[in-house]
């Protein structure tokens, strides 16, 4: 699910290419609901803001929006906003004419011109400086730009899709991010859930990455039982990107035909590794289910900051039923409201 970098005409600032529709892997309700608006959003030309923790697949969603739109045959240009330093932001976005400044020996297109007709993806929007925010706001307001050293005003024929790793509301309150720019970019909003909130997708994603990254000239490795258990019980703070990298590493470092928990570099509780004397299958199964339930509930309560109503909607459960599960596992929703 996480985007792979590559292809196209790369520069210090960005990469551009025409893209096919990428796969969005996962069947968890919270994930499917998050990406459900993509076809509708793709039909519009208005800006989109994609939120979610690092590694959740924000660029992949941006590429899916682009691929489903009528701009799909035009470039998709991605730029990390942290690279747009104050002294270069105008040149990076607008380009320059020959002789516009010292060392401007040739004309150079900016990111907006290079994405002409297509999509400009602004990754890590929270890293954009105040000067960069003002510059970007001006383009959004005027739908036009002027290359450095040029007197000609050009139309900004591009769709803006931005992504942020952290909610911008806090930065707006502290003056670190402009509210007017936020509302310009947040016409449509997609918020991707962390992997810990969709544990039922972990093995599906793992199998997808095995298929994608296993060498084509050798038998495809399988995930053994220890690997499957370790994958499900890991918390994945790096989300889908961490999972993908873990699978890639295991494919190349495995000691046998199959992939084990050891190959993944993950540990699992000793009680779950092998059946223990005096413990029945049913007892071990119930313990595994209880561990899964607790970790899932902790993840969804963290995601919704202790709001039981919102968590119930996201998990597809009645509020009362979710409340009973929280009580069963002695999980206090209040403890998540300060996060």
Protein backbone atom coordinates (compact mmCIF):
# COMPACT_ATOMS: atom_id res chain seq x y z
CA UNK A 1 0.00 0.00 0.00
CA UNK A 2 2.82 2.39 0.72
CA UNK A 3 4.14 4.37 -2.29
CA UNK A 4 7.37 3.38 -3.97
CA UNK A 5 9.63 6.17 -5.14
CA UNK A 6 10.97 6.07 -8.63
CA UNK A 7 10.63 6.82 -12.30
CA UNK A 8 10.42 10.02 -14.23
CA UNK A 9 12.58 13.10 -14.45
CA UNK A 10 14.01 13.54 -10.97
CA UNK A 11 15.45 16.78 -9.62
CA UNK A 12 16.58 17.98 -6.20
CA UNK A 13 13.01 18.95 -5.50
CA UNK A 14 10.70 16.47 -7.14
CA UNK A 15 10.02 13.59 -9.43
CA UNK A 16 7.42 13.43 -12.19
CA UNK A 17 5.82 10.68 -14.22
CA UNK A 18 2.55 9.51 -15.61
CA UNK A 19 1.12 6.86 -13.30
CA UNK A 20 -1.18 3.89 -13.58
CA UNK A 21 -3.77 3.31 -10.89
CA UNK A 22 -1.90 1.80 -7.92
CA UNK A 23 -3.38 -0.95 -5.74
CA UNK A 24 -4.95 0.11 -2.46
CA UNK A 25 -4.67 -3.08 -0.43
CA UNK A 26 -6.89 -3.74 2.57
CA UNK A 27 -10.41 -4.73 3.54
CA UNK A 28 -10.65 -3.30 7.05
CA UNK A 29 -13.77 -1.20 7.38
CA UNK A 30 -11.89 1.82 8.75
CA UNK A 31 -9.56 1.73 5.71
CA UNK A 32 -12.25 1.17 3.10
CA UNK A 33 -14.30 4.04 4.52
CA UNK A 34 -11.26 6.34 4.41
CA UNK A 35 -10.59 5.71 0.71
CA UNK A 36 -14.22 5.38 -0.40
CA UNK A 37 -14.48 9.05 -1.55
CA UNK A 38 -11.56 8.73 -4.00
CA UNK A 39 -13.69 8.24 -7.16
CA UNK A 40 -15.84 11.28 -6.32
CA UNK A 41 -12.84 13.40 -5.33
CA UNK A 42 -11.02 12.41 -8.52
CA UNK A 43 -13.78 13.93 -10.66
CA UNK A 44 -13.17 17.36 -9.16
CA UNK A 45 -10.25 19.68 -9.81
CA UNK A 46 -10.25 21.15 -6.28
CA UNK A 47 -7.39 20.67 -3.78
CA UNK A 48 -7.17 17.67 -1.49
CA UNK A 49 -5.50 17.32 1.92
CA UNK A 50 -4.48 13.81 2.97
CA UNK A 51 -3.69 13.23 6.63
CA UNK A 52 -2.19 10.27 8.42
CA UNK A 53 0.85 9.09 10.29
CA UNK A 54 4.09 8.55 8.42
CA UNK A 55 4.06 5.34 6.45
CA UNK A 56 0.28 5.03 6.06
CA UNK A 57 0.29 5.47 2.27
CA UNK A 58 -0.57 9.11 1.64
CA UNK A 59 1.34 9.38 -1.63
CA UNK A 60 -0.22 6.18 -2.86
CA UNK A 61 -3.68 7.69 -2.27
CA UNK A 62 -2.58 10.87 -4.07
CA UNK A 63 -1.49 8.77 -7.04
CA UNK A 64 -4.80 6.90 -6.98
CA UNK A 65 -6.70 10.19 -7.11
CA UNK A 66 -4.55 11.34 -10.02
CA UNK A 67 -4.92 8.04 -11.88
CA UNK A 68 -8.72 8.10 -11.53
CA UNK A 69 -9.02 11.70 -12.73
CA UNK A 70 -9.17 13.24 -16.17
CA UNK A 71 -5.60 14.43 -15.52
CA UNK A 72 -4.23 10.87 -15.53
CA UNK A 73 -2.48 11.30 -18.91
CA UNK A 74 -0.58 14.34 -17.63
CA UNK A 75 2.33 14.40 -15.15
CA UNK A 76 2.18 13.57 -11.47
CA UNK A 77 4.88 15.65 -9.76
CA UNK A 78 5.77 14.98 -6.12
CA UNK A 79 7.75 17.37 -3.94
CA UNK A 80 8.77 17.17 -0.29
CA UNK A 81 7.97 20.54 1.25
CA UNK A 82 10.99 20.28 3.53
CA UNK A 83 13.19 20.73 0.44
CA UNK A 84 11.57 24.06 -0.47
CA UNK A 85 13.91 26.36 1.44
CA UNK A 86 13.09 30.07 1.53
CA UNK A 87 15.85 31.11 -0.87
CA UNK A 88 14.71 28.63 -3.52
CA UNK A 89 10.96 28.26 -3.09
CA UNK A 90 9.96 30.75 -5.82
CA UNK A 91 12.43 29.29 -8.28
CA UNK A 92 11.38 25.73 -7.43
CA UNK A 93 7.67 26.39 -7.91
CA UNK A 94 7.73 28.94 -10.74
CA UNK A 95 11.03 28.36 -12.55
CA UNK A 96 13.11 31.13 -14.11
CA UNK A 97 14.03 32.73 -17.40
CA UNK A 98 17.57 32.76 -18.73
CA UNK A 99 19.49 35.59 -17.08
CA UNK A 100 16.92 36.08 -14.30
CA UNK A 101 19.75 35.98 -11.74
CA UNK A 102 23.41 35.10 -11.48
CA UNK A 103 24.02 31.52 -12.70
CA UNK A 104 20.64 31.41 -14.49
CA UNK A 105 22.34 30.41 -17.73
CA UNK A 106 19.34 28.57 -19.15
CA UNK A 107 15.59 28.76 -18.77
CA UNK A 108 14.16 26.26 -16.29
CA UNK A 109 10.59 25.19 -15.71
CA UNK A 110 9.26 25.17 -12.18
CA UNK A 111 7.25 22.42 -10.54
CA UNK A 112 3.90 23.96 -11.48
CA UNK A 113 4.79 24.14 -15.17
CA UNK A 114 6.23 20.61 -15.13
CA UNK A 115 2.97 19.32 -13.64
CA UNK A 116 0.96 21.24 -16.25
CA UNK A 117 -2.41 19.59 -16.79
CA UNK A 118 -1.66 17.07 -14.06
CA UNK A 119 -1.20 16.91 -10.29
CA UNK A 120 1.31 18.58 -7.98
CA UNK A 121 1.67 16.53 -4.79
CA UNK A 122 2.96 18.50 -1.79
CA UNK A 123 4.25 15.96 0.72
CA UNK A 124 4.98 16.81 4.38
CA UNK A 125 3.06 20.06 4.10
CA UNK A 126 3.74 20.80 7.78
CA UNK A 127 7.42 21.35 6.88
CA UNK A 128 6.66 24.25 4.51
CA UNK A 129 8.17 27.51 5.74
CA UNK A 130 6.08 30.65 6.31
CA UNK A 131 7.50 32.19 3.15
CA UNK A 132 6.67 29.03 1.24
CA UNK A 133 3.13 29.13 2.63
CA UNK A 134 2.65 32.70 1.43
CA UNK A 135 4.00 31.81 -2.02
CA UNK A 136 1.74 28.79 -2.33
CA UNK A 137 -1.29 30.71 -1.07
CA UNK A 138 -0.78 33.32 -3.77
CA UNK A 139 -0.88 30.67 -6.49
CA UNK A 140 -4.01 29.08 -5.04
CA UNK A 141 -5.78 32.43 -4.85
CA UNK A 142 -4.80 33.65 -8.33
CA UNK A 143 -4.58 30.35 -10.24
CA UNK A 144 -1.57 31.94 -11.90
CA UNK A 145 2.18 32.40 -11.48
CA UNK A 146 5.09 34.27 -13.02
CA UNK A 147 8.51 32.69 -13.58
CA UNK A 148 11.44 34.61 -12.13
CA UNK A 149 12.67 37.17 -14.64
CA UNK A 150 9.49 36.96 -16.73
CA UNK A 151 6.79 39.59 -17.24
CA UNK A 152 4.31 37.00 -18.51
CA UNK A 153 1.61 35.68 -16.16
CA UNK A 154 0.91 31.98 -16.72
CA UNK A 155 -2.10 29.92 -15.69
CA UNK A 156 -1.49 27.36 -12.96
CA UNK A 157 -3.19 24.48 -14.74
CA UNK A 158 -2.53 21.94 -12.03
CA UNK A 159 -4.40 20.16 -9.27
CA UNK A 160 -2.90 20.50 -5.79
CA UNK A 161 -2.91 17.47 -3.50
CA UNK A 162 -1.14 17.89 -0.17
CA UNK A 163 -0.28 15.50 2.65
CA UNK A 164 0.60 16.02 6.28
CA UNK A 165 1.95 13.63 8.91
CA UNK A 166 0.45 15.59 11.78
CA UNK A 167 -2.83 17.48 12.25
CA UNK A 168 -2.37 21.11 11.25
CA UNK A 169 -4.97 22.55 13.62
CA UNK A 170 -2.43 22.73 16.44
CA UNK A 171 0.13 24.49 14.22
CA UNK A 172 -2.56 26.99 13.18
CA UNK A 173 -3.29 27.81 16.83
CA UNK A 174 0.38 28.40 17.59
CA UNK A 175 0.96 30.46 14.43
CA UNK A 176 3.11 27.85 12.72
CA UNK A 177 0.71 27.34 9.82
CA UNK A 178 -1.56 29.76 8.02
CA UNK A 179 -5.27 29.12 8.49
CA UNK A 180 -6.12 30.63 5.09
CA UNK A 181 -3.75 28.24 3.31
CA UNK A 182 -5.14 25.30 5.28
CA UNK A 183 -8.70 26.07 4.21
CA UNK A 184 -7.62 26.61 0.60
CA UNK A 185 -6.04 23.15 0.49
CA UNK A 186 -8.62 21.29 2.57
CA UNK A 187 -11.53 21.39 0.13
CA UNK A 188 -11.51 17.59 0.28
CA UNK A 189 -9.96 15.70 3.18
CA UNK A 190 -8.88 12.07 3.50
CA UNK A 191 -7.52 10.76 6.80
CA UNK A 192 -5.74 7.42 6.61
CA UNK A 193 -5.85 5.14 9.67
CA UNK A 194 -2.64 3.74 11.19
CA UNK A 195 -1.96 0.06 10.67
CA UNK A 196 -2.64 -0.70 14.35
CA UNK A 197 -6.26 0.32 13.73
CA UNK A 198 -6.64 -2.21 10.90
CA UNK A 199 -4.93 -5.37 12.20
CA UNK A 200 -7.11 -7.59 10.02
CA UNK A 201 -5.21 -6.20 7.01
CA UNK A 202 -1.72 -7.04 8.26
CA UNK A 203 -1.46 -10.54 6.79
CA UNK A 204 -3.15 -9.45 3.55
CA UNK A 205 -0.59 -6.68 3.14
CA UNK A 206 2.27 -8.99 4.09
CA UNK A 207 1.24 -11.49 1.41
CA UNK A 208 0.90 -8.65 -1.10
CA UNK A 209 4.46 -7.51 -0.40
CA UNK A 210 5.80 -11.06 -0.64
CA UNK A 211 4.23 -11.34 -4.11
CA UNK A 212 5.51 -7.92 -5.12
CA UNK A 213 9.10 -8.24 -3.91
CA UNK A 214 9.98 -11.95 -4.14
CA UNK A 215 12.41 -12.71 -6.99
CA UNK A 216 10.57 -13.91 -10.07
CA UNK A 217 13.22 -16.50 -10.90
CA UNK A 218 12.81 -18.49 -7.67
CA UNK A 219 10.00 -20.22 -5.74
CA UNK A 220 7.94 -17.68 -3.81
CA UNK A 221 8.53 -17.96 -0.03
CA UNK A 222 5.62 -18.56 2.33
CA UNK A 223 5.07 -17.05 5.77
CA UNK A 224 5.30 -19.78 8.39
CA UNK A 225 3.10 -19.87 11.49
CA UNK A 226 5.62 -18.05 13.69
CA UNK A 227 5.89 -15.26 11.10
CA UNK A 228 2.13 -14.87 10.83
CA UNK A 229 1.74 -14.65 14.59
CA UNK A 230 4.60 -12.18 14.93
CA UNK A 231 3.21 -9.97 12.17
CA UNK A 232 -0.25 -9.80 13.75
CA UNK A 233 1.08 -9.04 17.24
CA UNK A 234 3.61 -6.35 16.27
CA UNK A 235 2.39 -2.77 16.83
CA UNK A 236 3.87 -1.34 13.57
CA UNK A 237 4.75 2.21 14.67
CA UNK A 238 6.10 2.81 11.13
CA UNK A 239 2.82 1.58 9.66
CA UNK A 240 2.62 0.04 6.19
CA UNK A 241 6.05 1.32 5.16
CA UNK A 242 7.61 -0.51 8.11
CA UNK A 243 5.70 -3.67 7.22
CA UNK A 244 6.83 -3.52 3.59
CA UNK A 245 10.47 -2.99 4.54
CA UNK A 246 10.26 -5.85 7.05
CA UNK A 247 8.97 -8.21 4.35
CA UNK A 248 11.63 -7.10 1.84
CA UNK A 249 14.39 -7.67 4.38
CA UNK A 250 13.04 -11.10 5.34
CA UNK A 251 12.79 -12.23 1.70
CA UNK A 252 16.51 -11.65 1.22
CA UNK A 253 17.81 -12.71 4.65
CA UNK A 254 15.72 -15.82 5.30
CA UNK A 255 17.57 -19.01 6.15
CA UNK A 256 15.01 -21.44 4.72
CA UNK A 257 12.41 -21.71 1.97
CA UNK A 258 9.78 -20.11 4.21
CA UNK A 259 9.88 -16.87 6.20
CA UNK A 260 9.96 -17.16 9.99
CA UNK A 261 9.51 -14.66 12.81
CA UNK A 262 13.29 -14.70 13.21
CA UNK A 263 13.73 -13.73 9.55
CA UNK A 264 11.34 -10.83 10.10
CA UNK A 265 13.33 -9.63 13.10
CA UNK A 266 10.18 -9.79 15.22
CA UNK A 267 9.61 -11.55 18.51
CA UNK A 268 6.48 -13.25 19.76
CA UNK A 269 5.45 -14.32 23.23
CA UNK A 270 7.02 -17.66 24.11
CA UNK A 271 3.63 -18.95 25.18
CA UNK A 272 2.39 -18.50 21.64
CA UNK A 273 5.40 -19.97 19.84
CA UNK A 274 4.78 -23.64 20.58
CA UNK A 275 2.04 -25.52 22.42
CA UNK A 276 2.90 -25.92 26.10
CA UNK A 277 2.38 -29.01 28.20
CA UNK A 278 -0.94 -28.97 30.02
CA UNK A 279 -2.43 -26.20 27.87
CA UNK A 280 -5.19 -27.06 25.45
CA UNK A 281 -5.67 -25.75 21.94
CA UNK A 282 -8.83 -23.97 23.10
CA UNK A 283 -6.96 -22.20 25.93
CA UNK A 284 -4.19 -21.02 23.62
CA UNK A 285 -6.75 -19.89 21.04
CA UNK A 286 -8.70 -17.88 23.61
CA UNK A 287 -5.48 -16.25 24.83
CA UNK A 288 -4.54 -15.29 21.28
CA UNK A 289 -7.99 -13.81 20.65
CA UNK A 290 -7.85 -11.85 23.91
CA UNK A 291 -4.42 -10.43 23.03
CA UNK A 292 -5.66 -9.45 19.57
CA UNK A 293 -8.81 -7.82 20.98
CA UNK A 294 -6.93 -5.77 23.53
CA UNK A 295 -4.33 -4.47 21.08
CA UNK A 296 -6.99 -3.69 18.50
CA UNK A 297 -9.09 -1.78 21.04
CA UNK A 298 -6.08 0.15 22.31
CA UNK A 299 -5.23 1.12 18.72
CA UNK A 300 -8.73 2.26 17.81
CA UNK A 301 -9.12 4.22 21.07
CA UNK A 302 -5.80 5.93 20.44
CA UNK A 303 -6.90 6.78 16.89
CA UNK A 304 -10.15 8.35 18.10
CA UNK A 305 -8.69 9.93 21.25
CA UNK A 306 -10.96 8.00 23.59
CA UNK A 307 -14.20 8.91 21.81
CA UNK A 308 -16.22 5.69 22.16
CA UNK A 309 -18.95 6.83 19.75
CA UNK A 310 -16.51 7.57 16.95
CA UNK A 311 -14.58 4.37 17.66
CA UNK A 312 -17.79 2.33 17.49
CA UNK A 313 -18.65 3.81 14.09
CA UNK A 314 -15.14 3.09 12.80
CA UNK A 315 -15.19 -0.54 13.97
CA UNK A 316 -18.75 -1.27 12.87
CA UNK A 317 -19.91 -2.12 16.38
CA UNK A 318 -22.74 -0.81 18.51
CA UNK A 319 -21.52 1.68 21.11
CA UNK A 320 -22.83 -0.50 23.93
CA UNK A 321 -21.09 -3.59 22.54
CA UNK A 322 -17.80 -1.70 22.21
CA UNK A 323 -18.23 -0.42 25.75
CA UNK A 324 -18.57 -3.99 27.01
CA UNK A 325 -15.36 -5.01 25.24
CA UNK A 326 -13.50 -2.04 26.72
CA UNK A 327 -14.75 -2.97 30.16
CA UNK A 328 -13.80 -6.62 29.63
CA UNK A 329 -10.21 -5.65 28.87
CA UNK A 330 -10.14 -2.91 31.52
CA UNK A 331 -9.43 -0.20 28.96
CA UNK A 332 -10.35 3.28 30.17
CA UNK A 333 -11.30 5.60 27.26
CA UNK A 334 -10.44 8.62 29.42
CA UNK A 335 -6.77 7.63 29.40
CA UNK A 336 -6.62 8.23 25.64
CA UNK A 337 -8.19 11.70 25.62
CA UNK A 338 -5.03 13.47 26.63
CA UNK A 339 -2.99 12.04 23.73
